[in-house]
Amino acid sequence: MTAQPSGPSMGTPSTDRQTLDEPAAVRFTGTGVPLALRWRGSIWQVIGEPMQWSSSNSWWEPDTTPLGGSGSVITTRSWRFRAQTGPASPVLEFDISADPRWQGWRLHRVAGPTGF
């Protein structure tokens, strides 16, 4: 599958991308920075400096009152980082995000060498 990256870019993006929407098992440092990701049976250790951003959208919350509900702002937190399984493995770029409406983190994009 091919998709355009979303969010900030980390240099020159790869032309090989895979768009996903699956739960992400992510381990973070004590300060909240991604440290490792479990994906397809492997542990991908973050290398370099991850990039973080957030986006906010309006979300309608239904209500049974005569006014019919109220809107609120939902803020989605996202990270983009490069990771590899070992010193000789390929380096892939991952996009993950967390939305208060979901449980946990989700993996949305993987970019890197062909053959994920």
PDB file of N, CA and C in Angstrom:
ATOM      1  N   MET A   1       0.833  -1.168   0.000  1.00  0.00           N
ATOM      2  CA  MET A   1       0.000   0.000   0.000  1.00  0.00           C
ATOM      3  C   MET A   1       0.880   1.234   0.000  1.00  0.00           C
ATOM      4  N   THR A   2       0.422   2.307  -0.626  1.00  0.00           N
ATOM      5  CA  THR A   2       1.167   3.547  -0.653  1.00  0.00           C
ATOM      6  C   THR A   2       0.301   4.660  -0.095  1.00  0.00           C
ATOM      7  N   ALA A   3       0.888   5.487   0.741  1.00  0.00           N
ATOM      8  CA  ALA A   3       0.165   6.611   1.323  1.00  0.00           C
ATOM      9  C   ALA A   3       1.127   7.756   1.543  1.00  0.00           C
ATOM     10  N   GLN A   4       0.607   8.953   1.647  1.00  0.00           N
ATOM     11  CA  GLN A   4       1.419  10.122   1.944  1.00  0.00           C
ATOM     12  C   GLN A   4       1.576  10.234   3.448  1.00  0.00           C
ATOM     13  N   PRO A   5       2.741  10.661   3.925  1.00  0.00           N
ATOM     14  CA  PRO A   5       2.920  10.792   5.369  1.00  0.00           C
ATOM     15  C   PRO A   5       2.065  11.920   5.914  1.00  0.00           C
ATOM     16  N   SER A   6       1.682  11.776   7.166  1.00  0.00           N
ATOM     17  CA  SER A   6       0.964  12.850   7.841  1.00  0.00           C
ATOM     18  C   SER A   6       1.821  13.322   8.997  1.00  0.00           C
ATOM     19  N   GLY A   7       1.627  14.555   9.403  1.00  0.00           N
ATOM     20  CA  GLY A   7       2.422  15.087  10.493  1.00  0.00           C
ATOM     21  C   GLY A   7       3.764  15.564   9.981  1.00  0.00           C
ATOM     22  N   PRO A   8       4.639  15.961  10.870  1.00  0.00           N
ATOM     23  CA  PRO A   8       5.926  16.498  10.460  1.00  0.00           C
ATOM     24  C   PRO A   8       6.817  15.435   9.843  1.00  0.00           C
ATOM     25  N   SER A   9       7.710  15.860   8.994  1.00  0.00           N
ATOM     26  CA  SER A   9       8.626  14.946   8.331  1.00  0.00           C
ATOM     27  C   SER A   9       9.950  14.900   9.071  1.00  0.00           C
ATOM     28  N   MET A  10      10.599  13.756   9.039  1.00  0.00           N
ATOM     29  CA  MET A  10      11.929  13.617   9.630  1.00  0.00           C
ATOM     30  C   MET A  10      12.924  13.493   8.486  1.00  0.00           C
ATOM     31  N   GLY A  11      13.222  14.576   7.824  1.00  0.00           N
ATOM     32  CA  GLY A  11      14.153  14.525   6.714  1.00  0.00           C
ATOM     33  C   GLY A  11      13.464  14.010   5.467  1.00  0.00           C
ATOM     34  N   THR A  12      14.200  13.344   4.623  1.00  0.00           N
ATOM     35  CA  THR A  12      13.653  12.825   3.387  1.00  0.00           C
ATOM     36  C   THR A  12      12.860  11.556   3.658  1.00  0.00           C
ATOM     37  N   PRO A  13      11.536  11.580   3.387  1.00  0.00           N
ATOM     38  CA  PRO A  13      10.743  10.388   3.671  1.00  0.00           C
ATOM     39  C   PRO A  13      11.037   9.281   2.674  1.00  0.00           C
ATOM     40  N   SER A  14      10.853   8.060   3.099  1.00  0.00           N
ATOM     41  CA  SER A  14      11.044   6.908   2.242  1.00  0.00           C
ATOM     42  C   SER A  14       9.897   6.810   1.249  1.00  0.00           C
ATOM     43  N   THR A  15      10.153   6.194   0.115  1.00  0.00           N
ATOM     44  CA  THR A  15       9.085   6.003  -0.863  1.00  0.00           C
ATOM     45  C   THR A  15       8.308   4.725  -0.598  1.00  0.00           C
ATOM     46  N   ASP A  16       8.789   3.869   0.276  1.00  0.00           N
ATOM     47  CA  ASP A  16       8.094   2.631   0.625  1.00  0.00           C
ATOM     48  C   ASP A  16       7.354   2.829   1.937  1.00  0.00           C
ATOM     49  N   ARG A  17       6.002   2.864   1.855  1.00  0.00           N
ATOM     50  CA  ARG A  17       5.182   3.125   3.028  1.00  0.00           C
ATOM     51  C   ARG A  17       4.097   2.084   3.162  1.00  0.00           C
ATOM     52  N   GLN A  18       3.694   1.855   4.378  1.00  0.00           N
ATOM     53  CA  GLN A  18       2.568   0.977   4.652  1.00  0.00           C
ATOM     54  C   GLN A  18       1.663   1.692   5.642  1.00  0.00           C
ATOM     55  N   THR A  19       0.410   1.918   5.239  1.00  0.00           N
ATOM     56  CA  THR A  19      -0.556   2.560   6.120  1.00  0.00           C
ATOM     57  C   THR A  19      -1.285   1.481   6.894  1.00  0.00           C
ATOM     58  N   LEU A  20      -1.348   1.660   8.212  1.00  0.00           N
ATOM     59  CA  LEU A  20      -1.946   0.669   9.101  1.00  0.00           C
ATOM     60  C   LEU A  20      -2.916   1.345  10.051  1.00  0.00           C
ATOM     61  N   ASP A  21      -3.653   0.551  10.755  1.00  0.00           N
ATOM     62  CA  ASP A  21      -4.463   1.008  11.885  1.00  0.00           C
ATOM     63  C   ASP A  21      -4.604  -0.191  12.803  1.00  0.00           C
ATOM     64  N   GLU A  22      -3.590  -0.390  13.644  1.00  0.00           N
ATOM     65  CA  GLU A  22      -3.593  -1.536  14.544  1.00  0.00           C
ATOM     66  C   GLU A  22      -3.062  -1.133  15.907  1.00  0.00           C
ATOM     67  N   PRO A  23      -3.447  -1.861  16.943  1.00  0.00           N
ATOM     68  CA  PRO A  23      -2.948  -1.532  18.282  1.00  0.00           C
ATOM     69  C   PRO A  23      -1.422  -1.574  18.304  1.00  0.00           C
ATOM     70  N   ALA A  24      -0.831  -0.679  19.079  1.00  0.00           N
ATOM     71  CA  ALA A  24       0.628  -0.616  19.188  1.00  0.00           C
ATOM     72  C   ALA A  24       1.027  -0.847  20.638  1.00  0.00           C
ATOM     73  N   ALA A  25       1.901  -1.817  20.859  1.00  0.00           N
ATOM     74  CA  ALA A  25       2.458  -2.070  22.190  1.00  0.00           C
ATOM     75  C   ALA A  25       3.751  -1.269  22.277  1.00  0.00           C
ATOM     76  N   VAL A  26       3.689  -0.142  22.971  1.00  0.00           N
ATOM     77  CA  VAL A  26       4.813   0.789  23.035  1.00  0.00           C
ATOM     78  C   VAL A  26       5.318   0.890  24.468  1.00  0.00           C
ATOM     79  N   ARG A  27       6.633   0.900  24.614  1.00  0.00           N
ATOM     80  CA  ARG A  27       7.260   1.113  25.916  1.00  0.00           C
ATOM     81  C   ARG A  27       7.874   2.513  25.897  1.00  0.00           C
ATOM     82  N   PHE A  28       7.684   3.252  26.990  1.00  0.00           N
ATOM     83  CA  PHE A  28       8.151   4.632  27.075  1.00  0.00           C
ATOM     84  C   PHE A  28       9.191   4.779  28.183  1.00  0.00           C
ATOM     85  N   THR A  29      10.021   5.817  28.055  1.00  0.00           N
ATOM     86  CA  THR A  29      10.957   6.157  29.119  1.00  0.00           C
ATOM     87  C   THR A  29      10.167   6.783  30.268  1.00  0.00           C
ATOM     88  N   GLY A  30      10.820   7.040  31.374  1.00  0.00           N
ATOM     89  CA  GLY A  30      10.178   7.683  32.509  1.00  0.00           C
ATOM     90  C   GLY A  30       9.669   9.081  32.204  1.00  0.00           C
ATOM     91  N   THR A  31      10.229   9.723  31.180  1.00  0.00           N
ATOM     92  CA  THR A  31       9.791  11.067  30.794  1.00  0.00           C
ATOM     93  C   THR A  31       8.745  11.047  29.685  1.00  0.00           C
ATOM     94  N   GLY A  32       8.307   9.839  29.278  1.00  0.00           N
ATOM     95  CA  GLY A  32       7.227   9.731  28.295  1.00  0.00           C
ATOM     96  C   GLY A  32       7.649   9.686  26.841  1.00  0.00           C
ATOM     97  N   VAL A  33       8.911   9.439  26.567  1.00  0.00           N
ATOM     98  CA  VAL A  33       9.415   9.346  25.191  1.00  0.00           C
ATOM     99  C   VAL A  33       9.415   7.875  24.773  1.00  0.00           C
ATOM    100  N   PRO A  34       8.983   7.561  23.526  1.00  0.00           N
ATOM    101  CA  PRO A  34       8.992   6.154  23.092  1.00  0.00           C
ATOM    102  C   PRO A  34      10.394   5.548  23.156  1.00  0.00           C
ATOM    103  N   LEU A  35      10.454   4.326  23.660  1.00  0.00           N
ATOM    104  CA  LEU A  35      11.705   3.597  23.822  1.00  0.00           C
ATOM    105  C   LEU A  35      11.743   2.382  22.893  1.00  0.00           C
ATOM    106  N   ALA A  36      10.602   1.683  22.783  1.00  0.00           N
ATOM    107  CA  ALA A  36      10.544   0.476  21.956  1.00  0.00           C
ATOM    108  C   ALA A  36       9.100   0.199  21.559  1.00  0.00           C
ATOM    109  N   LEU A  37       8.954  -0.535  20.450  1.00  0.00           N
ATOM    110  CA  LEU A  37       7.655  -0.910  19.910  1.00  0.00           C
ATOM    111  C   LEU A  37       7.679  -2.396  19.579  1.00  0.00           C
ATOM    112  N   ARG A  38       6.664  -3.128  20.005  1.00  0.00           N
ATOM    113  CA  ARG A  38       6.529  -4.532  19.586  1.00  0.00           C
ATOM    114  C   ARG A  38       5.644  -4.535  18.346  1.00  0.00           C
ATOM    115  N   TRP A  39       6.183  -5.055  17.227  1.00  0.00           N
ATOM    116  CA  TRP A  39       5.439  -5.076  15.964  1.00  0.00           C
ATOM    117  C   TRP A  39       5.776  -6.352  15.198  1.00  0.00           C
ATOM    118  N   ARG A  40       4.745  -7.089  14.846  1.00  0.00           N
ATOM    119  CA  ARG A  40       4.869  -8.323  14.052  1.00  0.00           C
ATOM    120  C   ARG A  40       5.903  -9.280  14.631  1.00  0.00           C
ATOM    121  N   GLY A  41       5.826  -9.453  15.950  1.00  0.00           N
ATOM    122  CA  GLY A  41       6.667 -10.439  16.623  1.00  0.00           C
ATOM    123  C   GLY A  41       8.077  -9.990  16.955  1.00  0.00           C
ATOM    124  N   SER A  42       8.420  -8.752  16.658  1.00  0.00           N
ATOM    125  CA  SER A  42       9.768  -8.247  16.942  1.00  0.00           C
ATOM    126  C   SER A  42       9.696  -7.015  17.823  1.00  0.00           C
ATOM    127  N   ILE A  43      10.780  -6.791  18.568  1.00  0.00           N
ATOM    128  CA  ILE A  43      10.915  -5.573  19.367  1.00  0.00           C
ATOM    129  C   ILE A  43      11.754  -4.593  18.551  1.00  0.00           C
ATOM    130  N   TRP A  44      11.156  -3.435  18.234  1.00  0.00           N
ATOM    131  CA  TRP A  44      11.826  -2.387  17.479  1.00  0.00           C
ATOM    132  C   TRP A  44      12.275  -1.318  18.464  1.00  0.00           C
ATOM    133  N   GLN A  45      13.596  -1.147  18.613  1.00  0.00           N
ATOM    134  CA  GLN A  45      14.139  -0.176  19.552  1.00  0.00           C
ATOM    135  C   GLN A  45      14.313   1.171  18.856  1.00  0.00           C
ATOM    136  N   VAL A  46      13.808   2.208  19.501  1.00  0.00           N
ATOM    137  CA  VAL A  46      13.873   3.557  18.944  1.00  0.00           C
ATOM    138  C   VAL A  46      15.324   4.009  18.878  1.00  0.00           C
ATOM    139  N   ILE A  47      15.676   4.596  17.734  1.00  0.00           N
ATOM    140  CA  ILE A  47      17.010   5.178  17.553  1.00  0.00           C
ATOM    141  C   ILE A  47      16.823   6.648  17.190  1.00  0.00           C
ATOM    142  N   GLY A  48      17.767   7.457  17.554  1.00  0.00           N
ATOM    143  CA  GLY A  48      17.658   8.881  17.243  1.00  0.00           C
ATOM    144  C   GLY A  48      16.649   9.576  18.143  1.00  0.00           C
ATOM    145  N   GLU A  49      16.257  10.750  17.724  1.00  0.00           N
ATOM    146  CA  GLU A  49      15.361  11.607  18.496  1.00  0.00           C
ATOM    147  C   GLU A  49      13.941  11.525  17.924  1.00  0.00           C
ATOM    148  N   PRO A  50      12.978  10.966  18.658  1.00  0.00           N
ATOM    149  CA  PRO A  50      11.595  10.921  18.182  1.00  0.00           C
ATOM    150  C   PRO A  50      10.997  12.327  18.092  1.00  0.00           C
ATOM    151  N   MET A  51      10.036  12.494  17.194  1.00  0.00           N
ATOM    152  CA  MET A  51       9.314  13.757  17.052  1.00  0.00           C
ATOM    153  C   MET A  51       7.909  13.584  17.588  1.00  0.00           C
ATOM    154  N   GLN A  52       7.435  14.572  18.340  1.00  0.00           N
ATOM    155  CA  GLN A  52       6.095  14.525  18.900  1.00  0.00           C
ATOM    156  C   GLN A  52       5.288  15.705  18.383  1.00  0.00           C
ATOM    157  N   TRP A  53       3.992  15.478  18.138  1.00  0.00           N
ATOM    158  CA  TRP A  53       3.073  16.559  17.804  1.00  0.00           C
ATOM    159  C   TRP A  53       1.684  16.173  18.282  1.00  0.00           C
ATOM    160  N   SER A  54       0.797  17.132  18.290  1.00  0.00           N
ATOM    161  CA  SER A  54      -0.585  16.855  18.670  1.00  0.00           C
ATOM    162  C   SER A  54      -1.504  17.625  17.746  1.00  0.00           C
ATOM    163  N   SER A  55      -2.735  17.146  17.639  1.00  0.00           N
ATOM    164  CA  SER A  55      -3.752  17.826  16.841  1.00  0.00           C
ATOM    165  C   SER A  55      -5.066  17.755  17.605  1.00  0.00           C
ATOM    166  N   SER A  56      -5.873  18.781  17.428  1.00  0.00           N
ATOM    167  CA  SER A  56      -7.148  18.838  18.128  1.00  0.00           C
ATOM    168  C   SER A  56      -8.288  18.931  17.122  1.00  0.00           C
ATOM    169  N   ASN A  57      -9.364  18.220  17.421  1.00  0.00           N
ATOM    170  CA  ASN A  57     -10.557  18.229  16.588  1.00  0.00           C
ATOM    171  C   ASN A  57     -11.778  18.367  17.484  1.00  0.00           C
ATOM    172  N   SER A  58     -12.850  18.892  16.922  1.00  0.00           N
ATOM    173  CA  SER A  58     -14.108  18.944  17.659  1.00  0.00           C
ATOM    174  C   SER A  58     -14.757  17.576  17.606  1.00  0.00           C
ATOM    175  N   TRP A  59     -15.382  17.210  18.692  1.00  0.00           N
ATOM    176  CA  TRP A  59     -16.054  15.916  18.780  1.00  0.00           C
ATOM    177  C   TRP A  59     -17.407  16.141  19.407  1.00  0.00           C
ATOM    178  N   TRP A  60     -18.451  15.636  18.779  1.00  0.00           N
ATOM    179  CA  TRP A  60     -19.798  15.822  19.262  1.00  0.00           C
ATOM    180  C   TRP A  60     -20.145  14.734  20.258  1.00  0.00           C
ATOM    181  N   GLU A  61     -20.600  15.154  21.437  1.00  0.00           N
ATOM    182  CA  GLU A  61     -21.011  14.213  22.465  1.00  0.00           C
ATOM    183  C   GLU A  61     -22.525  14.259  22.586  1.00  0.00           C
ATOM    184  N   PRO A  62     -23.228  13.192  22.193  1.00  0.00           N
ATOM    185  CA  PRO A  62     -24.687  13.211  22.275  1.00  0.00           C
ATOM    186  C   PRO A  62     -25.159  13.331  23.714  1.00  0.00           C
ATOM    187  N   ASP A  63     -26.315  13.936  23.882  1.00  0.00           N
ATOM    188  CA  ASP A  63     -26.883  14.143  25.203  1.00  0.00           C
ATOM    189  C   ASP A  63     -28.395  14.006  25.085  1.00  0.00           C
ATOM    190  N   THR A  64     -29.038  13.626  26.143  1.00  0.00           N
ATOM    191  CA  THR A  64     -30.488  13.460  26.119  1.00  0.00           C
ATOM    192  C   THR A  64     -31.222  14.722  26.547  1.00  0.00           C
ATOM    193  N   THR A  65     -30.480  15.796  26.810  1.00  0.00           N
ATOM    194  CA  THR A  65     -31.127  17.041  27.213  1.00  0.00           C
ATOM    195  C   THR A  65     -31.768  17.699  26.001  1.00  0.00           C
ATOM    196  N   PRO A  66     -32.705  18.649  26.212  1.00  0.00           N
ATOM    197  CA  PRO A  66     -33.357  19.324  25.091  1.00  0.00           C
ATOM    198  C   PRO A  66     -32.379  20.055  24.162  1.00  0.00           C
ATOM    199  N   LEU A  67     -31.203  20.415  24.673  1.00  0.00           N
ATOM    200  CA  LEU A  67     -30.228  21.089  23.816  1.00  0.00           C
ATOM    201  C   LEU A  67     -29.577  20.129  22.827  1.00  0.00           C
ATOM    202  N   GLY A  68     -29.671  18.839  23.093  1.00  0.00           N
ATOM    203  CA  GLY A  68     -29.220  17.841  22.132  1.00  0.00           C
ATOM    204  C   GLY A  68     -27.763  17.456  22.181  1.00  0.00           C
ATOM    205  N   GLY A  69     -27.022  17.874  23.157  1.00  0.00           N
ATOM    206  CA  GLY A  69     -25.625  17.457  23.256  1.00  0.00           C
ATOM    207  C   GLY A  69     -24.689  18.637  23.311  1.00  0.00           C
ATOM    208  N   SER A  70     -23.429  18.340  23.393  1.00  0.00           N
ATOM    209  CA  SER A  70     -22.431  19.399  23.455  1.00  0.00           C
ATOM    210  C   SER A  70     -21.168  18.939  22.750  1.00  0.00           C
ATOM    211  N   GLY A  71     -20.435  19.899  22.250  1.00  0.00           N
ATOM    212  CA  GLY A  71     -19.177  19.579  21.597  1.00  0.00           C
ATOM    213  C   GLY A  71     -18.022  19.692  22.562  1.00  0.00           C
ATOM    214  N   SER A  72     -16.970  19.010  22.263  1.00  0.00           N
ATOM    215  CA  SER A  72     -15.752  19.133  23.050  1.00  0.00           C
ATOM    216  C   SER A  72     -14.570  18.978  22.111  1.00  0.00           C
ATOM    217  N   VAL A  73     -13.407  19.314  22.596  1.00  0.00           N
ATOM    218  CA  VAL A  73     -12.200  19.218  21.792  1.00  0.00           C
ATOM    219  C   VAL A  73     -11.459  17.957  22.204  1.00  0.00           C
ATOM    220  N   ILE A  74     -11.108  17.150  21.220  1.00  0.00           N
ATOM    221  CA  ILE A  74     -10.338  15.924  21.437  1.00  0.00           C
ATOM    222  C   ILE A  74      -8.924  16.181  20.926  1.00  0.00           C
ATOM    223  N   THR A  75      -7.933  15.945  21.756  1.00  0.00           N
ATOM    224  CA  THR A  75      -6.539  16.134  21.356  1.00  0.00           C
ATOM    225  C   THR A  75      -5.880  14.776  21.160  1.00  0.00           C
ATOM    226  N   THR A  76      -5.357  14.568  19.963  1.00  0.00           N
ATOM    227  CA  THR A  76      -4.641  13.339  19.620  1.00  0.00           C
ATOM    228  C   THR A  76      -3.149  13.608  19.726  1.00  0.00           C
ATOM    229  N   ARG A  77      -2.449  12.754  20.484  1.00  0.00           N
ATOM    230  CA  ARG A  77      -0.987  12.851  20.613  1.00  0.00           C
ATOM    231  C   ARG A  77      -0.351  11.887  19.623  1.00  0.00           C
ATOM    232  N   SER A  78       0.702  12.322  18.956  1.00  0.00           N
ATOM    233  CA  SER A  78       1.365  11.479  17.957  1.00  0.00           C
ATOM    234  C   SER A  78       2.878  11.526  18.121  1.00  0.00           C
ATOM    235  N   TRP A  79       3.506  10.422  17.722  1.00  0.00           N
ATOM    236  CA  TRP A  79       4.966  10.319  17.698  1.00  0.00           C
ATOM    237  C   TRP A  79       5.389   9.743  16.357  1.00  0.00           C
ATOM    238  N   ARG A  80       6.510  10.211  15.858  1.00  0.00           N
ATOM    239  CA  ARG A  80       7.186   9.612  14.699  1.00  0.00           C
ATOM    240  C   ARG A  80       8.605   9.320  15.130  1.00  0.00           C
ATOM    241  N   PHE A  81       9.042   8.075  14.895  1.00  0.00           N
ATOM    242  CA  PHE A  81      10.398   7.701  15.285  1.00  0.00           C
ATOM    243  C   PHE A  81      10.939   6.645  14.343  1.00  0.00           C
ATOM    244  N   ARG A  82      12.260   6.557  14.330  1.00  0.00           N
ATOM    245  CA  ARG A  82      12.947   5.503  13.584  1.00  0.00           C
ATOM    246  C   ARG A  82      13.331   4.433  14.582  1.00  0.00           C
ATOM    247  N   ALA A  83      13.280   3.179  14.135  1.00  0.00           N
ATOM    248  CA  ALA A  83      13.605   2.069  15.032  1.00  0.00           C
ATOM    249  C   ALA A  83      14.162   0.909  14.229  1.00  0.00           C
ATOM    250  N   GLN A  84      14.874   0.027  14.928  1.00  0.00           N
ATOM    251  CA  GLN A  84      15.400  -1.191  14.315  1.00  0.00           C
ATOM    252  C   GLN A  84      15.431  -2.290  15.362  1.00  0.00           C
ATOM    253  N   THR A  85      15.482  -3.533  14.875  1.00  0.00           N
ATOM    254  CA  THR A  85      15.465  -4.676  15.786  1.00  0.00           C
ATOM    255  C   THR A  85      16.856  -5.042  16.283  1.00  0.00           C
ATOM    256  N   GLY A  86      17.884  -4.589  15.614  1.00  0.00           N
ATOM    257  CA  GLY A  86      19.263  -4.868  15.998  1.00  0.00           C
ATOM    258  C   GLY A  86      20.204  -4.047  15.142  1.00  0.00           C
ATOM    259  N   PRO A  87      21.505  -4.072  15.441  1.00  0.00           N
ATOM    260  CA  PRO A  87      22.461  -3.225  14.728  1.00  0.00           C
ATOM    261  C   PRO A  87      22.516  -3.461  13.220  1.00  0.00           C
ATOM    262  N   ALA A  88      22.238  -4.682  12.767  1.00  0.00           N
ATOM    263  CA  ALA A  88      22.322  -4.979  11.334  1.00  0.00           C
ATOM    264  C   ALA A  88      20.953  -4.969  10.648  1.00  0.00           C
ATOM    265  N   SER A  89      19.875  -4.697  11.386  1.00  0.00           N
ATOM    266  CA  SER A  89      18.530  -4.735  10.794  1.00  0.00           C
ATOM    267  C   SER A  89      18.228  -3.427  10.065  1.00  0.00           C
ATOM    268  N   PRO A  90      17.246  -3.464   9.157  1.00  0.00           N
ATOM    269  CA  PRO A  90      16.860  -2.219   8.494  1.00  0.00           C
ATOM    270  C   PRO A  90      16.259  -1.238   9.498  1.00  0.00           C
ATOM    271  N   VAL A  91      16.356   0.033   9.171  1.00  0.00           N
ATOM    272  CA  VAL A  91      15.754   1.077   9.997  1.00  0.00           C
ATOM    273  C   VAL A  91      14.417   1.444   9.355  1.00  0.00           C
ATOM    274  N   LEU A  92      13.345   1.364  10.137  1.00  0.00           N
ATOM    275  CA  LEU A  92      12.022   1.751   9.661  1.00  0.00           C
ATOM    276  C   LEU A  92      11.560   2.978  10.424  1.00  0.00           C
ATOM    277  N   GLU A  93      10.657   3.722   9.830  1.00  0.00           N
ATOM    278  CA  GLU A  93      10.080   4.892  10.475  1.00  0.00           C
ATOM    279  C   GLU A  93       8.629   4.572  10.824  1.00  0.00           C
ATOM    280  N   PHE A  94       8.246   4.826  12.076  1.00  0.00           N
ATOM    281  CA  PHE A  94       6.922   4.479  12.589  1.00  0.00           C
ATOM    282  C   PHE A  94       6.169   5.739  13.007  1.00  0.00           C
ATOM    283  N   ASP A  95       4.857   5.764  12.758  1.00  0.00           N
ATOM    284  CA  ASP A  95       3.962   6.795  13.285  1.00  0.00           C
ATOM    285  C   ASP A  95       2.962   6.116  14.197  1.00  0.00           C
ATOM    286  N   ILE A  96       2.874   6.598  15.443  1.00  0.00           N
ATOM    287  CA  ILE A  96       1.889   6.086  16.391  1.00  0.00           C
ATOM    288  C   ILE A  96       1.090   7.261  16.930  1.00  0.00           C
ATOM    289  N   SER A  97      -0.115   6.985  17.413  1.00  0.00           N
ATOM    290  CA  SER A  97      -0.898   8.057  18.029  1.00  0.00           C
ATOM    291  C   SER A  97      -1.812   7.500  19.105  1.00  0.00           C
ATOM    292  N   ALA A  98      -2.206   8.398  20.001  1.00  0.00           N
ATOM    293  CA  ALA A  98      -3.145   8.075  21.078  1.00  0.00           C
ATOM    294  C   ALA A  98      -4.242   9.124  21.066  1.00  0.00           C
ATOM    295  N   ASP A  99      -5.454   8.661  21.139  1.00  0.00           N
ATOM    296  CA  ASP A  99      -6.644   9.506  21.132  1.00  0.00           C
ATOM    297  C   ASP A  99      -7.434   9.132  22.384  1.00  0.00           C
ATOM    298  N   PRO A 100      -7.973  10.097  23.123  1.00  0.00           N
ATOM    299  CA  PRO A 100      -8.693   9.756  24.349  1.00  0.00           C
ATOM    300  C   PRO A 100      -9.889   8.825  24.129  1.00  0.00           C
ATOM    301  N   ARG A 101     -10.381   8.718  22.909  1.00  0.00           N
ATOM    302  CA  ARG A 101     -11.512   7.828  22.622  1.00  0.00           C
ATOM    303  C   ARG A 101     -11.069   6.374  22.473  1.00  0.00           C
ATOM    304  N   TRP A 102      -9.762   6.121  22.335  1.00  0.00           N
ATOM    305  CA  TRP A 102      -9.231   4.778  22.162  1.00  0.00           C
ATOM    306  C   TRP A 102      -8.583   4.322  23.455  1.00  0.00           C
ATOM    307  N   GLN A 103      -8.370   3.043  23.515  1.00  0.00           N
ATOM    308  CA  GLN A 103      -7.595   2.472  24.624  1.00  0.00           C
ATOM    309  C   GLN A 103      -6.178   2.254  24.100  1.00  0.00           C
ATOM    310  N   GLY A 104      -5.209   2.946  24.636  1.00  0.00           N
ATOM    311  CA  GLY A 104      -3.817   2.736  24.249  1.00  0.00           C
ATOM    312  C   GLY A 104      -3.414   3.459  22.975  1.00  0.00           C
ATOM    313  N   TRP A 105      -2.273   3.029  22.432  1.00  0.00           N
ATOM    314  CA  TRP A 105      -1.671   3.620  21.238  1.00  0.00           C
ATOM    315  C   TRP A 105      -2.020   2.804  20.007  1.00  0.00           C
ATOM    316  N   ARG A 106      -2.005   3.470  18.832  1.00  0.00           N
ATOM    317  CA  ARG A 106      -2.263   2.803  17.556  1.00  0.00           C
ATOM    318  C   ARG A 106      -1.118   3.105  16.601  1.00  0.00           C
ATOM    319  N   LEU A 107      -0.741   2.094  15.833  1.00  0.00           N
ATOM    320  CA  LEU A 107       0.287   2.234  14.801  1.00  0.00           C
ATOM    321  C   LEU A 107      -0.417   2.591  13.498  1.00  0.00           C
ATOM    322  N   HIS A 108       0.001   3.702  12.880  1.00  0.00           N
ATOM    323  CA  HIS A 108      -0.672   4.188  11.662  1.00  0.00           C
ATOM    324  C   HIS A 108       0.159   4.123  10.407  1.00  0.00           C
ATOM    325  N   ARG A 109       1.480   4.206  10.543  1.00  0.00           N
ATOM    326  CA  ARG A 109       2.303   4.237   9.328  1.00  0.00           C
ATOM    327  C   ARG A 109       3.658   3.647   9.620  1.00  0.00           C
ATOM    328  N   VAL A 110       4.146   2.891   8.651  1.00  0.00           N
ATOM    329  CA  VAL A 110       5.505   2.353   8.685  1.00  0.00           C
ATOM    330  C   VAL A 110       6.129   2.709   7.333  1.00  0.00           C
ATOM    331  N   ALA A 111       7.333   3.258   7.349  1.00  0.00           N
ATOM    332  CA  ALA A 111       8.027   3.595   6.120  1.00  0.00           C
ATOM    333  C   ALA A 111       9.455   3.082   6.215  1.00  0.00           C
ATOM    334  N   GLY A 112       9.965   2.606   5.105  1.00  0.00           N
ATOM    335  CA  GLY A 112      11.332   2.118   5.094  1.00  0.00           C
ATOM    336  C   GLY A 112      11.568   1.195   3.930  1.00  0.00           C
ATOM    337  N   PRO A 113      12.575   0.348   4.043  1.00  0.00           N
ATOM    338  CA  PRO A 113      12.900  -0.568   2.957  1.00  0.00           C
ATOM    339  C   PRO A 113      11.732  -1.488   2.610  1.00  0.00           C
ATOM    340  N   THR A 114      11.656  -1.895   1.360  1.00  0.00           N
ATOM    341  CA  THR A 114      10.609  -2.813   0.915  1.00  0.00           C
ATOM    342  C   THR A 114      10.744  -4.131   1.666  1.00  0.00           C
ATOM    343  N   GLY A 115       9.619  -4.762   1.920  1.00  0.00           N
ATOM    344  CA  GLY A 115       9.644  -6.083   2.540  1.00  0.00           C
ATOM    345  C   GLY A 115       9.341  -6.081   4.004  1.00  0.00           C
ATOM    346  N   PHE A 116       8.435  -5.186   4.470  1.00  0.00           N
ATOM    347  CA  PHE A 116       8.097  -5.244   5.880  1.00  0.00           C
ATOM    348  C   PHE A 116       7.387  -6.521   6.069  1.00  0.00           C
TER     349      PHE A 116
END
